[in-house]
Amino acid sequence: MSSTAGSTRGSGSGSRHPAGLVAGGAIVGAFLLLGLTADWLPLPSPLAMIPGARMAPPSWARPFGADAFGRDVLSRTVHGARLSLRVAATSVAAAAAAGGLLGLLSGYAGGRVDRTLMRAMDVFFAFPPILLALGIVAALGPSPSNVVLAIAVVYTPIFARVVRGPALALREREFVEATRALGAGAPRILARHLVPNLASVLVVQVSIALSWAVLTEASLSFLGLSAQPPAPSWGTMLDEGRQNLELAPHMAIFPGAAIMLAVLGFNLLGDALRDWLDPRRAA
């Protein structure tokens, strides 16, 4: 009786995540594939201008139409995926590494170290994320590399907070106390016991942070603070489409849809991973 009930609960909890995992993975995988193979796809150059095709609507020859300079919107959208995903992946990786290390040290050390690090993180939390990123890029100058730095700085405190809580709980667990009693030093305890147990927390947070990073990069690009024209960027394309919204709405619709799908894909993937890796799901 109990085994039947347990299997029912397990199948019920497992049924929550496969659809989101498949859908999110498919969307993210499609964007990754497009970004990695953009140069080999049978598309015109994203910088090639055809004056006679200015603001041409979608057609068989140009499925996404052309922009105000006669450039192919489909080609620019595909190449824009590479920039957005590269900026998002690089910035989130840097934030996860720095924030994860700070959160791990803060949670394990406790006491004065914990209070000092967390008060430092509170300074960053005092600013709205987009305004802090905007201020950093405005001070350093508009470029994708500065956007990477800005997003990494903004999201490092988030990873620190996310890791610190579980680290505080893990340091009091019996297996950590036993390892400490056997004479293991802090580096060994952190590397062999805490980090593996915190991996699932980081995986979920990374997948969700990637969606924020894509949206932040697009916002900064929309304001002219990321890749500079004529480089293809979703935010820049949105800004150009906004200026011609009445005459050529397709210029804004397709890059906007790309941003929406990328954010949706990462959010679906993050939610599915959170359900799948939740230790309480089998309870």
C-alpha atoms as a PDB file:
ATOM      1  CA  MET A   1       0.000   0.000   0.000  1.00  0.00           C
ATOM      2  CA  SER A   2       2.731   2.430   0.979  1.00  0.00           C
ATOM      3  CA  SER A   3       4.850   1.544  -2.077  1.00  0.00           C
ATOM      4  CA  THR A   4       1.864   2.190  -4.347  1.00  0.00           C
ATOM      5  CA  ALA A   5       1.220   5.563  -2.756  1.00  0.00           C
ATOM      6  CA  GLY A   6       4.881   6.457  -2.980  1.00  0.00           C
ATOM      7  CA  SER A   7       5.034   5.576  -6.666  1.00  0.00           C
ATOM      8  CA  THR A   8       1.900   7.632  -7.281  1.00  0.00           C
ATOM      9  CA  ARG A   9       3.427  10.640  -5.586  1.00  0.00           C
ATOM     10  CA  GLY A  10       6.654  10.192  -7.480  1.00  0.00           C
ATOM     11  CA  SER A  11       4.913   9.996 -10.844  1.00  0.00           C
ATOM     12  CA  GLY A  12       2.703  12.965  -9.978  1.00  0.00           C
ATOM     13  CA  SER A  13       5.645  15.158  -9.030  1.00  0.00           C
ATOM     14  CA  GLY A  14       7.628  13.968 -12.029  1.00  0.00           C
ATOM     15  CA  SER A  15       4.768  14.847 -14.374  1.00  0.00           C
ATOM     16  CA  ARG A  16       5.140  18.518 -13.487  1.00  0.00           C
ATOM     17  CA  HIS A  17       8.416  19.142 -15.238  1.00  0.00           C
ATOM     18  CA  PRO A  18       8.908  17.114 -18.475  1.00  0.00           C
ATOM     19  CA  ALA A  19       6.793  19.405 -20.680  1.00  0.00           C
ATOM     20  CA  GLY A  20       8.545  22.546 -19.451  1.00  0.00           C
ATOM     21  CA  LEU A  21      11.934  20.854 -19.610  1.00  0.00           C
ATOM     22  CA  VAL A  22      11.374  19.717 -23.201  1.00  0.00           C
ATOM     23  CA  ALA A  23       9.872  23.027 -24.333  1.00  0.00           C
ATOM     24  CA  GLY A  24      12.479  25.162 -22.593  1.00  0.00           C
ATOM     25  CA  GLY A  25      15.320  22.935 -23.737  1.00  0.00           C
ATOM     26  CA  ALA A  26      14.039  22.988 -27.325  1.00  0.00           C
ATOM     27  CA  ILE A  27      13.769  26.793 -27.404  1.00  0.00           C
ATOM     28  CA  VAL A  28      17.164  27.356 -25.792  1.00  0.00           C
ATOM     29  CA  GLY A  29      18.752  24.668 -27.957  1.00  0.00           C
ATOM     30  CA  ALA A  30      17.316  26.233 -31.113  1.00  0.00           C
ATOM     31  CA  PHE A  31      18.737  29.647 -30.229  1.00  0.00           C
ATOM     32  CA  LEU A  32      22.119  28.129 -29.363  1.00  0.00           C
ATOM     33  CA  LEU A  33      22.179  26.262 -32.660  1.00  0.00           C
ATOM     34  CA  LEU A  34      21.263  29.386 -34.608  1.00  0.00           C
ATOM     35  CA  GLY A  35      23.879  31.448 -32.804  1.00  0.00           C
ATOM     36  CA  LEU A  36      26.641  28.890 -33.336  1.00  0.00           C
ATOM     37  CA  THR A  37      25.853  28.214 -37.007  1.00  0.00           C
ATOM     38  CA  ALA A  38      24.845  31.730 -38.091  1.00  0.00           C
ATOM     39  CA  ASP A  39      27.841  32.123 -40.408  1.00  0.00           C
ATOM     40  CA  TRP A  40      27.115  28.830 -42.195  1.00  0.00           C
ATOM     41  CA  LEU A  41      23.378  29.300 -42.725  1.00  0.00           C
ATOM     42  CA  PRO A  42      22.169  30.258 -46.242  1.00  0.00           C
ATOM     43  CA  LEU A  43      21.410  33.825 -45.215  1.00  0.00           C
ATOM     44  CA  PRO A  44      22.593  37.146 -46.653  1.00  0.00           C
ATOM     45  CA  SER A  45      25.086  39.182 -44.703  1.00  0.00           C
ATOM     46  CA  PRO A  46      23.422  41.004 -41.802  1.00  0.00           C
ATOM     47  CA  LEU A  47      25.289  44.148 -42.890  1.00  0.00           C
ATOM     48  CA  ALA A  48      24.450  43.989 -46.614  1.00  0.00           C
ATOM     49  CA  MET A  49      22.275  46.966 -47.610  1.00  0.00           C
ATOM     50  CA  ILE A  50      19.908  46.848 -50.593  1.00  0.00           C
ATOM     51  CA  PRO A  51      18.448  50.336 -51.115  1.00  0.00           C
ATOM     52  CA  GLY A  52      15.636  49.022 -53.290  1.00  0.00           C
ATOM     53  CA  ALA A  53      14.409  46.767 -50.478  1.00  0.00           C
ATOM     54  CA  ARG A  54      14.104  49.430 -47.776  1.00  0.00           C
ATOM     55  CA  MET A  55      11.404  48.409 -45.228  1.00  0.00           C
ATOM     56  CA  ALA A  56      10.189  45.671 -47.567  1.00  0.00           C
ATOM     57  CA  PRO A  57       7.484  43.551 -45.870  1.00  0.00           C
ATOM     58  CA  PRO A  58       7.949  39.819 -45.212  1.00  0.00           C
ATOM     59  CA  SER A  59       7.967  37.712 -48.366  1.00  0.00           C
ATOM     60  CA  TRP A  60       9.252  34.373 -49.650  1.00  0.00           C
ATOM     61  CA  ALA A  61      12.576  35.996 -50.523  1.00  0.00           C
ATOM     62  CA  ARG A  62      12.806  37.770 -47.152  1.00  0.00           C
ATOM     63  CA  PRO A  63      10.706  35.871 -44.548  1.00  0.00           C
ATOM     64  CA  PHE A  64      11.196  38.603 -41.921  1.00  0.00           C
ATOM     65  CA  GLY A  65      11.290  41.506 -44.378  1.00  0.00           C
ATOM     66  CA  ALA A  66      13.960  44.222 -44.572  1.00  0.00           C
ATOM     67  CA  ASP A  67      14.849  47.146 -42.323  1.00  0.00           C
ATOM     68  CA  ALA A  68      15.194  50.854 -43.069  1.00  0.00           C
ATOM     69  CA  PHE A  69      18.555  50.264 -44.793  1.00  0.00           C
ATOM     70  CA  GLY A  70      17.416  47.274 -46.839  1.00  0.00           C
ATOM     71  CA  ARG A  71      19.188  44.754 -44.579  1.00  0.00           C
ATOM     72  CA  ASP A  72      17.648  41.315 -44.125  1.00  0.00           C
ATOM     73  CA  VAL A  73      15.809  41.203 -40.767  1.00  0.00           C
ATOM     74  CA  LEU A  74      15.976  37.400 -40.528  1.00  0.00           C
ATOM     75  CA  SER A  75      19.749  37.415 -40.935  1.00  0.00           C
ATOM     76  CA  ARG A  76      20.135  40.202 -38.393  1.00  0.00           C
ATOM     77  CA  THR A  77      17.846  38.418 -35.918  1.00  0.00           C
ATOM     78  CA  VAL A  78      19.844  35.180 -36.212  1.00  0.00           C
ATOM     79  CA  HIS A  79      23.190  36.946 -35.835  1.00  0.00           C
ATOM     80  CA  GLY A  80      21.743  38.990 -32.971  1.00  0.00           C
ATOM     81  CA  ALA A  81      21.069  35.729 -31.124  1.00  0.00           C
ATOM     82  CA  ARG A  82      24.797  35.025 -31.060  1.00  0.00           C
ATOM     83  CA  LEU A  83      25.584  38.384 -29.461  1.00  0.00           C
ATOM     84  CA  SER A  84      22.795  38.191 -26.889  1.00  0.00           C
ATOM     85  CA  LEU A  85      23.581  34.622 -25.853  1.00  0.00           C
ATOM     86  CA  ARG A  86      27.327  35.287 -25.693  1.00  0.00           C
ATOM     87  CA  VAL A  87      26.834  38.316 -23.457  1.00  0.00           C
ATOM     88  CA  ALA A  88      24.298  36.471 -21.287  1.00  0.00           C
ATOM     89  CA  ALA A  89      26.395  33.319 -20.903  1.00  0.00           C
ATOM     90  CA  THR A  90      29.636  35.160 -20.160  1.00  0.00           C
ATOM     91  CA  SER A  91      28.113  37.557 -17.642  1.00  0.00           C
ATOM     92  CA  VAL A  92      26.119  34.878 -15.817  1.00  0.00           C
ATOM     93  CA  ALA A  93      29.140  32.570 -15.666  1.00  0.00           C
ATOM     94  CA  ALA A  94      31.200  35.365 -14.104  1.00  0.00           C
ATOM     95  CA  ALA A  95      28.412  36.252 -11.664  1.00  0.00           C
ATOM     96  CA  ALA A  96      27.876  32.604 -10.701  1.00  0.00           C
ATOM     97  CA  ALA A  97      31.592  32.078 -10.070  1.00  0.00           C
ATOM     98  CA  ALA A  98      32.090  35.267  -8.040  1.00  0.00           C
ATOM     99  CA  GLY A  99      28.745  35.204  -6.233  1.00  0.00           C
ATOM    100  CA  GLY A 100      28.906  31.473  -5.580  1.00  0.00           C
ATOM    101  CA  LEU A 101      32.371  31.795  -4.030  1.00  0.00           C
ATOM    102  CA  LEU A 102      31.332  34.760  -1.861  1.00  0.00           C
ATOM    103  CA  GLY A 103      28.148  33.002  -0.747  1.00  0.00           C
ATOM    104  CA  LEU A 104      30.046  29.800   0.012  1.00  0.00           C
ATOM    105  CA  LEU A 105      32.667  31.595   2.099  1.00  0.00           C
ATOM    106  CA  SER A 106      30.044  33.675   3.868  1.00  0.00           C
ATOM    107  CA  GLY A 107      27.850  30.727   4.740  1.00  0.00           C
ATOM    108  CA  TYR A 108      30.659  28.441   5.852  1.00  0.00           C
ATOM    109  CA  ALA A 109      32.657  30.994   7.821  1.00  0.00           C
ATOM    110  CA  GLY A 110      29.695  32.718   9.500  1.00  0.00           C
ATOM    111  CA  GLY A 111      30.251  35.331  12.160  1.00  0.00           C
ATOM    112  CA  ARG A 112      32.068  38.520  11.220  1.00  0.00           C
ATOM    113  CA  VAL A 113      32.974  37.288   7.724  1.00  0.00           C
ATOM    114  CA  ASP A 114      29.327  36.548   6.988  1.00  0.00           C
ATOM    115  CA  ARG A 115      28.129  39.906   8.283  1.00  0.00           C
ATOM    116  CA  THR A 116      30.805  41.846   6.379  1.00  0.00           C
ATOM    117  CA  LEU A 117      30.189  40.115   3.050  1.00  0.00           C
ATOM    118  CA  MET A 118      26.414  40.309   3.291  1.00  0.00           C
ATOM    119  CA  ARG A 119      26.464  44.005   4.200  1.00  0.00           C
ATOM    120  CA  ALA A 120      28.631  44.570   1.131  1.00  0.00           C
ATOM    121  CA  MET A 121      26.054  42.695  -0.961  1.00  0.00           C
ATOM    122  CA  ASP A 122      23.299  44.850   0.553  1.00  0.00           C
ATOM    123  CA  VAL A 123      24.980  47.917  -0.944  1.00  0.00           C
ATOM    124  CA  PHE A 124      24.392  46.501  -4.425  1.00  0.00           C
ATOM    125  CA  PHE A 125      20.839  45.450  -3.550  1.00  0.00           C
ATOM    126  CA  ALA A 126      20.080  49.079  -2.673  1.00  0.00           C
ATOM    127  CA  PHE A 127      20.105  49.937  -6.403  1.00  0.00           C
ATOM    128  CA  PRO A 128      17.534  48.722  -8.935  1.00  0.00           C
ATOM    129  CA  PRO A 129      19.401  46.178 -11.131  1.00  0.00           C
ATOM    130  CA  ILE A 130      18.759  47.861 -14.474  1.00  0.00           C
ATOM    131  CA  LEU A 131      19.762  51.288 -13.118  1.00  0.00           C
ATOM    132  CA  LEU A 132      22.967  49.908 -11.628  1.00  0.00           C
ATOM    133  CA  ALA A 133      23.845  48.215 -14.924  1.00  0.00           C
ATOM    134  CA  LEU A 134      22.981  51.390 -16.797  1.00  0.00           C
ATOM    135  CA  GLY A 135      25.236  53.460 -14.544  1.00  0.00           C
ATOM    136  CA  ILE A 136      28.178  51.057 -14.916  1.00  0.00           C
ATOM    137  CA  VAL A 137      27.956  50.963 -18.719  1.00  0.00           C
ATOM    138  CA  ALA A 138      27.441  54.731 -18.924  1.00  0.00           C
ATOM    139  CA  ALA A 139      30.582  55.253 -16.844  1.00  0.00           C
ATOM    140  CA  LEU A 140      32.736  52.753 -18.765  1.00  0.00           C
ATOM    141  CA  GLY A 141      31.398  53.412 -22.254  1.00  0.00           C
ATOM    142  CA  PRO A 142      29.038  51.517 -24.579  1.00  0.00           C
ATOM    143  CA  SER A 143      30.339  48.103 -25.655  1.00  0.00           C
ATOM    144  CA  PRO A 144      29.328  44.439 -25.252  1.00  0.00           C
ATOM    145  CA  SER A 145      32.318  43.767 -22.969  1.00  0.00           C
ATOM    146  CA  ASN A 146      31.235  46.529 -20.597  1.00  0.00           C
ATOM    147  CA  VAL A 147      27.694  45.160 -20.663  1.00  0.00           C
ATOM    148  CA  VAL A 148      29.104  41.770 -19.609  1.00  0.00           C
ATOM    149  CA  LEU A 149      30.890  43.424 -16.688  1.00  0.00           C
ATOM    150  CA  ALA A 150      27.792  45.395 -15.686  1.00  0.00           C
ATOM    151  CA  ILE A 151      25.492  42.362 -15.713  1.00  0.00           C
ATOM    152  CA  ALA A 152      28.067  40.306 -13.785  1.00  0.00           C
ATOM    153  CA  VAL A 153      28.332  42.991 -11.100  1.00  0.00           C
ATOM    154  CA  VAL A 154      24.548  43.310 -10.839  1.00  0.00           C
ATOM    155  CA  TYR A 155      23.888  39.569 -10.496  1.00  0.00           C
ATOM    156  CA  THR A 156      26.840  38.594  -8.289  1.00  0.00           C
ATOM    157  CA  PRO A 157      24.974  39.569  -5.063  1.00  0.00           C
ATOM    158  CA  ILE A 158      21.988  37.458  -6.144  1.00  0.00           C
ATOM    159  CA  PHE A 159      24.145  34.348  -6.481  1.00  0.00           C
ATOM    160  CA  ALA A 160      25.851  35.142  -3.181  1.00  0.00           C
ATOM    161  CA  ARG A 161      22.504  35.279  -1.381  1.00  0.00           C
ATOM    162  CA  VAL A 162      21.218  32.125  -3.078  1.00  0.00           C
ATOM    163  CA  VAL A 163      24.310  30.103  -2.120  1.00  0.00           C
ATOM    164  CA  ARG A 164      24.755  31.507   1.386  1.00  0.00           C
ATOM    165  CA  GLY A 165      21.482  30.130   2.797  1.00  0.00           C
ATOM    166  CA  PRO A 166      22.080  26.455   1.902  1.00  0.00           C
ATOM    167  CA  ALA A 167      25.758  26.797   2.883  1.00  0.00           C
ATOM    168  CA  LEU A 168      24.725  27.968   6.370  1.00  0.00           C
ATOM    169  CA  ALA A 169      22.519  24.901   6.727  1.00  0.00           C
ATOM    170  CA  LEU A 170      25.062  22.464   5.314  1.00  0.00           C
ATOM    171  CA  ARG A 171      27.903  23.512   7.607  1.00  0.00           C
ATOM    172  CA  GLU A 172      25.874  22.249  10.602  1.00  0.00           C
ATOM    173  CA  ARG A 173      25.127  18.847   9.043  1.00  0.00           C
ATOM    174  CA  GLU A 174      26.556  15.705  10.610  1.00  0.00           C
ATOM    175  CA  PHE A 175      28.716  14.696   7.676  1.00  0.00           C
ATOM    176  CA  VAL A 176      30.420  18.113   7.674  1.00  0.00           C
ATOM    177  CA  GLU A 177      31.001  17.912  11.429  1.00  0.00           C
ATOM    178  CA  ALA A 178      32.400  14.394  11.035  1.00  0.00           C
ATOM    179  CA  THR A 179      34.748  15.489   8.256  1.00  0.00           C
ATOM    180  CA  ARG A 180      35.913  18.413  10.365  1.00  0.00           C
ATOM    181  CA  ALA A 181      36.485  16.101  13.339  1.00  0.00           C
ATOM    182  CA  LEU A 182      38.685  13.876  11.173  1.00  0.00           C
ATOM    183  CA  GLY A 183      40.984  16.842  10.624  1.00  0.00           C
ATOM    184  CA  ALA A 184      39.906  17.977   7.153  1.00  0.00           C
ATOM    185  CA  GLY A 185      40.613  21.620   6.424  1.00  0.00           C
ATOM    186  CA  ALA A 186      38.159  24.193   5.154  1.00  0.00           C
ATOM    187  CA  PRO A 187      39.258  23.967   1.479  1.00  0.00           C
ATOM    188  CA  ARG A 188      38.662  20.195   1.430  1.00  0.00           C
ATOM    189  CA  ILE A 189      35.291  20.497   3.160  1.00  0.00           C
ATOM    190  CA  LEU A 190      34.179  23.206   0.758  1.00  0.00           C
ATOM    191  CA  ALA A 191      35.356  21.392  -2.381  1.00  0.00           C
ATOM    192  CA  ARG A 192      34.367  17.834  -1.473  1.00  0.00           C
ATOM    193  CA  HIS A 193      31.181  18.314   0.528  1.00  0.00           C
ATOM    194  CA  LEU A 194      29.570  21.735   0.200  1.00  0.00           C
ATOM    195  CA  VAL A 195      30.078  22.485  -3.502  1.00  0.00           C
ATOM    196  CA  PRO A 196      28.555  19.177  -4.762  1.00  0.00           C
ATOM    197  CA  ASN A 197      25.523  19.689  -2.531  1.00  0.00           C
ATOM    198  CA  LEU A 198      25.059  23.249  -3.793  1.00  0.00           C
ATOM    199  CA  ALA A 199      25.366  22.384  -7.493  1.00  0.00           C
ATOM    200  CA  SER A 200      21.618  21.957  -8.006  1.00  0.00           C
ATOM    201  CA  VAL A 201      20.924  25.381  -6.467  1.00  0.00           C
ATOM    202  CA  LEU A 202      23.445  26.998  -8.801  1.00  0.00           C
ATOM    203  CA  VAL A 203      22.119  25.192 -11.892  1.00  0.00           C
ATOM    204  CA  VAL A 204      18.594  26.458 -11.310  1.00  0.00           C
ATOM    205  CA  GLN A 205      19.741  29.992 -10.539  1.00  0.00           C
ATOM    206  CA  VAL A 206      21.975  30.092 -13.627  1.00  0.00           C
ATOM    207  CA  SER A 207      19.126  29.075 -15.942  1.00  0.00           C
ATOM    208  CA  ILE A 208      16.868  31.778 -14.515  1.00  0.00           C
ATOM    209  CA  ALA A 209      19.635  34.400 -14.478  1.00  0.00           C
ATOM    210  CA  LEU A 210      20.278  33.760 -18.171  1.00  0.00           C
ATOM    211  CA  SER A 211      16.782  34.989 -18.996  1.00  0.00           C
ATOM    212  CA  TRP A 212      17.381  38.152 -16.945  1.00  0.00           C
ATOM    213  CA  ALA A 213      20.729  38.677 -18.672  1.00  0.00           C
ATOM    214  CA  VAL A 214      19.181  38.398 -22.141  1.00  0.00           C
ATOM    215  CA  LEU A 215      16.553  40.942 -21.185  1.00  0.00           C
ATOM    216  CA  THR A 216      19.102  43.278 -19.581  1.00  0.00           C
ATOM    217  CA  GLU A 217      21.408  43.131 -22.609  1.00  0.00           C
ATOM    218  CA  ALA A 218      18.477  43.888 -24.905  1.00  0.00           C
ATOM    219  CA  SER A 219      17.448  46.826 -22.700  1.00  0.00           C
ATOM    220  CA  LEU A 220      20.952  48.312 -22.696  1.00  0.00           C
ATOM    221  CA  SER A 221      21.282  47.695 -26.419  1.00  0.00           C
ATOM    222  CA  PHE A 222      17.935  49.424 -26.958  1.00  0.00           C
ATOM    223  CA  LEU A 223      19.403  52.459 -25.198  1.00  0.00           C
ATOM    224  CA  GLY A 224      22.506  52.356 -27.409  1.00  0.00           C
ATOM    225  CA  LEU A 225      24.872  51.108 -24.694  1.00  0.00           C
ATOM    226  CA  SER A 226      25.783  47.663 -26.039  1.00  0.00           C
ATOM    227  CA  ALA A 227      26.761  46.722 -29.598  1.00  0.00           C
ATOM    228  CA  GLN A 228      26.921  49.764 -31.826  1.00  0.00           C
ATOM    229  CA  PRO A 229      25.320  50.013 -35.287  1.00  0.00           C
ATOM    230  CA  PRO A 230      25.556  48.449 -37.779  1.00  0.00           C
ATOM    231  CA  ALA A 231      26.280  45.341 -35.640  1.00  0.00           C
ATOM    232  CA  PRO A 232      23.141  43.174 -35.340  1.00  0.00           C
ATOM    233  CA  SER A 233      21.643  43.261 -31.858  1.00  0.00           C
ATOM    234  CA  TRP A 234      18.087  42.552 -30.758  1.00  0.00           C
ATOM    235  CA  GLY A 235      17.840  45.712 -28.674  1.00  0.00           C
ATOM    236  CA  THR A 236      19.228  47.899 -31.443  1.00  0.00           C
ATOM    237  CA  MET A 237      16.819  46.322 -33.921  1.00  0.00           C
ATOM    238  CA  LEU A 238      13.936  47.065 -31.567  1.00  0.00           C
ATOM    239  CA  ASP A 239      14.992  50.694 -31.347  1.00  0.00           C
ATOM    240  CA  GLU A 240      15.197  50.968 -35.131  1.00  0.00           C
ATOM    241  CA  GLY A 241      11.816  49.268 -35.440  1.00  0.00           C
ATOM    242  CA  ARG A 242      10.286  51.660 -32.921  1.00  0.00           C
ATOM    243  CA  GLN A 243      11.233  54.577 -35.110  1.00  0.00           C
ATOM    244  CA  ASN A 244       9.441  53.008 -38.090  1.00  0.00           C
ATOM    245  CA  LEU A 245       6.638  51.220 -36.279  1.00  0.00           C
ATOM    246  CA  GLU A 246       3.789  52.618 -38.380  1.00  0.00           C
ATOM    247  CA  LEU A 247       5.469  52.057 -41.754  1.00  0.00           C
ATOM    248  CA  ALA A 248       7.222  48.736 -41.097  1.00  0.00           C
ATOM    249  CA  PRO A 249       6.013  46.996 -37.912  1.00  0.00           C
ATOM    250  CA  HIS A 250       7.875  43.809 -38.845  1.00  0.00           C
ATOM    251  CA  MET A 251      11.148  45.560 -37.972  1.00  0.00           C
ATOM    252  CA  ALA A 252      10.150  45.501 -34.286  1.00  0.00           C
ATOM    253  CA  ILE A 253       7.941  42.402 -34.211  1.00  0.00           C
ATOM    254  CA  PHE A 254      10.582  39.810 -35.094  1.00  0.00           C
ATOM    255  CA  PRO A 255      13.435  40.904 -32.788  1.00  0.00           C
ATOM    256  CA  GLY A 256      10.857  41.454 -30.038  1.00  0.00           C
ATOM    257  CA  ALA A 257       9.532  37.929 -30.576  1.00  0.00           C
ATOM    258  CA  ALA A 258      13.099  36.583 -30.437  1.00  0.00           C
ATOM    259  CA  ILE A 259      13.681  38.255 -27.056  1.00  0.00           C
ATOM    260  CA  MET A 260      10.358  36.956 -25.754  1.00  0.00           C
ATOM    261  CA  LEU A 261      11.076  33.373 -26.874  1.00  0.00           C
ATOM    262  CA  ALA A 262      14.607  33.380 -25.457  1.00  0.00           C
ATOM    263  CA  VAL A 263      13.411  34.641 -22.069  1.00  0.00           C
ATOM    264  CA  LEU A 264      10.504  32.178 -22.110  1.00  0.00           C
ATOM    265  CA  GLY A 265      12.819  29.290 -22.948  1.00  0.00           C
ATOM    266  CA  PHE A 266      15.228  30.015 -20.099  1.00  0.00           C
ATOM    267  CA  ASN A 267      12.352  30.543 -17.649  1.00  0.00           C
ATOM    268  CA  LEU A 268      10.679  27.257 -18.640  1.00  0.00           C
ATOM    269  CA  LEU A 269      13.998  25.464 -18.319  1.00  0.00           C
ATOM    270  CA  GLY A 270      14.690  27.042 -14.936  1.00  0.00           C
ATOM    271  CA  ASP A 271      11.251  26.203 -13.554  1.00  0.00           C
ATOM    272  CA  ALA A 272      11.513  22.607 -14.781  1.00  0.00           C
ATOM    273  CA  LEU A 273      14.986  22.173 -13.313  1.00  0.00           C
ATOM    274  CA  ARG A 274      13.816  23.635 -10.007  1.00  0.00           C
ATOM    275  CA  ASP A 275      11.006  21.060  -9.794  1.00  0.00           C
ATOM    276  CA  TRP A 276      13.235  18.221 -10.920  1.00  0.00           C
ATOM    277  CA  LEU A 277      16.102  18.984  -8.548  1.00  0.00           C
ATOM    278  CA  ASP A 278      13.895  19.817  -5.552  1.00  0.00           C
ATOM    279  CA  PRO A 279      14.723  17.137  -2.920  1.00  0.00           C
ATOM    280  CA  ARG A 280      11.170  17.381  -1.558  1.00  0.00           C
ATOM    281  CA  ARG A 281       9.547  16.266  -4.810  1.00  0.00           C
ATOM    282  CA  ALA A 282       9.966  12.608  -3.933  1.00  0.00           C
ATOM    283  CA  ALA A 283       8.743  13.076  -0.389  1.00  0.00           C
END
